[in-house]
Amino acid sequence: MSSIRQLLQLKGDFIWCVTPEATVYDALRLMAEKDIGAVLVMVDDLMVGIMSERDYARKIVLLGKTSRDTRVGEIMTEKVITIHPSQTSQEAVTLMTKNHIRHLPVVEEEHIIGIISVMDVMRDIIYEQREKIKSLSEKVSGNKLHPQF
């Protein structure tokens, strides 16, 4: 299993964030521009929440609010689940599944060093499974050509 640190090294450790005072519209525009599904909500260096596409759909669209008139702080998820860079992709999947979330900020020594999505984790798990299958196939093929008695 890859560590979350390895995942960040491959995908990059970009952190896109907004303040609680930003409009939801501005946050959505940033998300569209960067092709991401969530932004961290920060006050100085302190993470105070996360805003995702799911927050927008459930707390703006379904409640009849407008994104230009609503502040991020009004709809963000305040209880943010995080992961440590030494943890594995499998642990990330477990956290995401258990908590019904798609994004995990990566925190080390109280500092945010990146964010991963369910797609990042699944891509890693699929790659690892393909490598295992390839390795096993090579062993099976090798055993047929060179039987061991």
Protein backbone atom coordinates (compact mmCIF):
# COMPACT_ATOMS: atom_id res chain seq x y z
CA MET A 1 0.00 0.00 0.00
CA SER A 2 1.20 3.48 -0.81
CA SER A 3 1.44 6.01 1.94
CA ILE A 4 -0.50 9.25 1.70
CA ARG A 5 2.85 11.05 1.52
CA GLN A 6 3.70 9.06 -1.64
CA LEU A 7 0.29 9.90 -3.08
CA LEU A 8 0.90 13.61 -2.51
CA GLN A 9 4.32 13.38 -4.14
CA LEU A 10 2.69 11.95 -7.26
CA LYS A 11 -0.33 14.24 -7.47
CA GLY A 12 1.20 17.40 -6.04
CA ASP A 13 0.60 19.12 -2.75
CA PHE A 14 -1.43 22.06 -4.01
CA ILE A 15 -3.82 23.44 -1.44
CA TRP A 16 -6.66 25.59 -2.71
CA CYS A 17 -8.49 27.55 -0.06
CA VAL A 18 -10.93 30.36 0.59
CA THR A 19 -11.91 32.35 3.66
CA PRO A 20 -15.26 31.95 5.44
CA GLU A 21 -16.17 35.45 4.18
CA ALA A 22 -15.76 34.51 0.50
CA THR A 23 -18.96 34.03 -1.45
CA VAL A 24 -19.97 30.53 -2.38
CA TYR A 25 -19.89 31.73 -5.99
CA ASP A 26 -16.20 32.66 -5.68
CA ALA A 27 -15.41 29.29 -4.11
CA LEU A 28 -17.27 27.48 -6.91
CA ARG A 29 -15.42 29.51 -9.52
CA LEU A 30 -12.08 28.52 -7.95
CA MET A 31 -13.16 24.88 -7.83
CA ALA A 32 -14.14 24.96 -11.52
CA GLU A 33 -10.94 26.77 -12.50
CA LYS A 34 -8.75 24.22 -10.68
CA ASP A 35 -10.98 21.24 -11.55
CA ILE A 36 -11.38 20.21 -7.91
CA GLY A 37 -14.37 19.11 -5.85
CA ALA A 38 -13.61 20.87 -2.57
CA VAL A 39 -11.71 23.80 -1.09
CA LEU A 40 -10.36 24.23 2.40
CA VAL A 41 -11.74 27.11 4.40
CA MET A 42 -8.92 28.91 6.17
CA VAL A 43 -8.43 31.83 8.53
CA ASP A 44 -4.74 32.68 8.35
CA ASP A 45 -3.03 29.28 8.77
CA LEU A 46 -5.94 27.68 10.62
CA MET A 47 -8.34 25.34 8.85
CA VAL A 48 -11.87 26.15 10.01
CA GLY A 49 -13.77 23.98 7.53
CA ILE A 50 -14.10 22.53 4.07
CA MET A 51 -16.58 23.34 1.33
CA SER A 52 -17.40 20.69 -1.24
CA GLU A 53 -19.70 20.34 -4.21
CA ARG A 54 -21.93 18.32 -1.90
CA ASP A 55 -22.21 21.25 0.52
CA TYR A 56 -23.22 23.46 -2.39
CA ALA A 57 -25.84 21.04 -3.69
CA ARG A 58 -27.41 20.37 -0.31
CA LYS A 59 -27.12 23.75 1.38
CA ILE A 60 -27.57 26.19 -1.50
CA VAL A 61 -29.47 24.58 -4.36
CA LEU A 62 -31.91 22.52 -2.30
CA LEU A 63 -32.57 25.35 0.17
CA GLY A 64 -33.23 27.95 -2.53
CA LYS A 65 -30.27 30.17 -1.61
CA THR A 66 -28.00 31.88 -4.11
CA SER A 67 -24.27 31.35 -4.36
CA ARG A 68 -23.57 35.07 -4.92
CA ASP A 69 -25.36 36.08 -1.70
CA THR A 70 -24.19 33.29 0.60
CA ARG A 71 -20.86 33.19 2.40
CA VAL A 72 -18.77 30.03 2.51
CA GLY A 73 -18.83 30.15 6.32
CA GLU A 74 -22.60 29.63 6.23
CA ILE A 75 -22.46 26.30 4.39
CA MET A 76 -19.00 24.83 5.02
CA THR A 77 -18.54 21.59 6.88
CA GLU A 78 -16.88 22.53 10.15
CA LYS A 79 -16.00 19.05 11.41
CA VAL A 80 -13.18 18.14 9.05
CA ILE A 81 -11.83 14.60 9.02
CA THR A 82 -8.08 14.56 8.27
CA ILE A 83 -5.40 12.00 7.56
CA HIS A 84 -1.69 11.80 8.40
CA PRO A 85 0.86 11.40 5.57
CA SER A 86 2.19 8.14 7.05
CA GLN A 87 -1.20 6.45 6.73
CA THR A 88 -2.05 4.30 3.71
CA SER A 89 -4.47 4.50 0.80
CA GLN A 90 -6.46 1.68 2.40
CA GLU A 91 -6.81 3.68 5.62
CA ALA A 92 -7.96 6.66 3.55
CA VAL A 93 -10.67 4.56 1.86
CA THR A 94 -11.81 3.32 5.25
CA LEU A 95 -12.04 6.89 6.62
CA MET A 96 -13.86 8.16 3.55
CA THR A 97 -16.34 5.29 3.52
CA LYS A 98 -17.02 5.43 7.25
CA ASN A 99 -17.59 9.19 7.21
CA HIS A 100 -19.28 9.47 3.78
CA ILE A 101 -16.73 11.98 2.50
CA ARG A 102 -14.75 12.40 -0.71
CA HIS A 103 -11.88 14.65 0.39
CA LEU A 104 -9.27 14.37 3.16
CA PRO A 105 -6.90 17.15 4.14
CA VAL A 106 -3.47 15.74 4.96
CA VAL A 107 -2.15 17.08 8.26
CA GLU A 108 1.29 16.67 9.76
CA GLU A 109 2.30 18.32 13.04
CA GLU A 110 -0.82 20.51 12.89
CA HIS A 111 0.08 21.82 9.41
CA ILE A 112 -1.92 21.08 6.27
CA ILE A 113 0.45 19.65 3.67
CA GLY A 114 -2.09 18.68 1.01
CA ILE A 115 -5.50 17.24 0.28
CA ILE A 116 -6.48 13.97 -1.35
CA SER A 117 -9.71 12.92 -3.01
CA VAL A 118 -11.41 9.58 -3.33
CA MET A 119 -10.26 9.54 -6.97
CA ASP A 120 -6.62 9.91 -5.93
CA VAL A 121 -6.95 7.02 -3.53
CA MET A 122 -8.84 4.76 -5.93
CA ARG A 123 -6.32 5.45 -8.70
CA ASP A 124 -3.56 4.34 -6.32
CA ILE A 125 -5.38 1.19 -5.22
CA ILE A 126 -6.17 0.23 -8.83
CA TYR A 127 -2.52 0.74 -9.81
CA GLU A 128 -1.37 -1.45 -6.92
CA GLN A 129 -3.85 -4.18 -7.84
CA ARG A 130 -2.67 -4.14 -11.47
CA GLU A 131 0.93 -4.46 -10.31
CA LYS A 132 0.03 -7.44 -8.10
CA ILE A 133 -1.82 -9.13 -10.97
CA LYS A 134 1.11 -8.49 -13.31
CA SER A 135 3.56 -9.94 -10.79
CA LEU A 136 1.41 -13.01 -10.17
CA SER A 137 0.91 -13.53 -13.92
CA GLU A 138 4.65 -13.39 -14.47
CA LYS A 139 5.19 -15.95 -11.70
CA VAL A 140 2.57 -18.28 -13.16
CA SER A 141 3.99 -17.88 -16.68
CA GLY A 142 7.51 -18.42 -15.38
CA ASN A 143 6.47 -21.56 -13.52
CA LYS A 144 4.95 -23.07 -16.66
CA LEU A 145 8.12 -22.46 -18.67
CA HIS A 146 10.47 -23.59 -15.90
CA PRO A 147 8.71 -26.12 -13.70
CA GLN A 148 10.27 -26.65 -10.32
CA PHE A 149 10.40 -30.21 -9.01
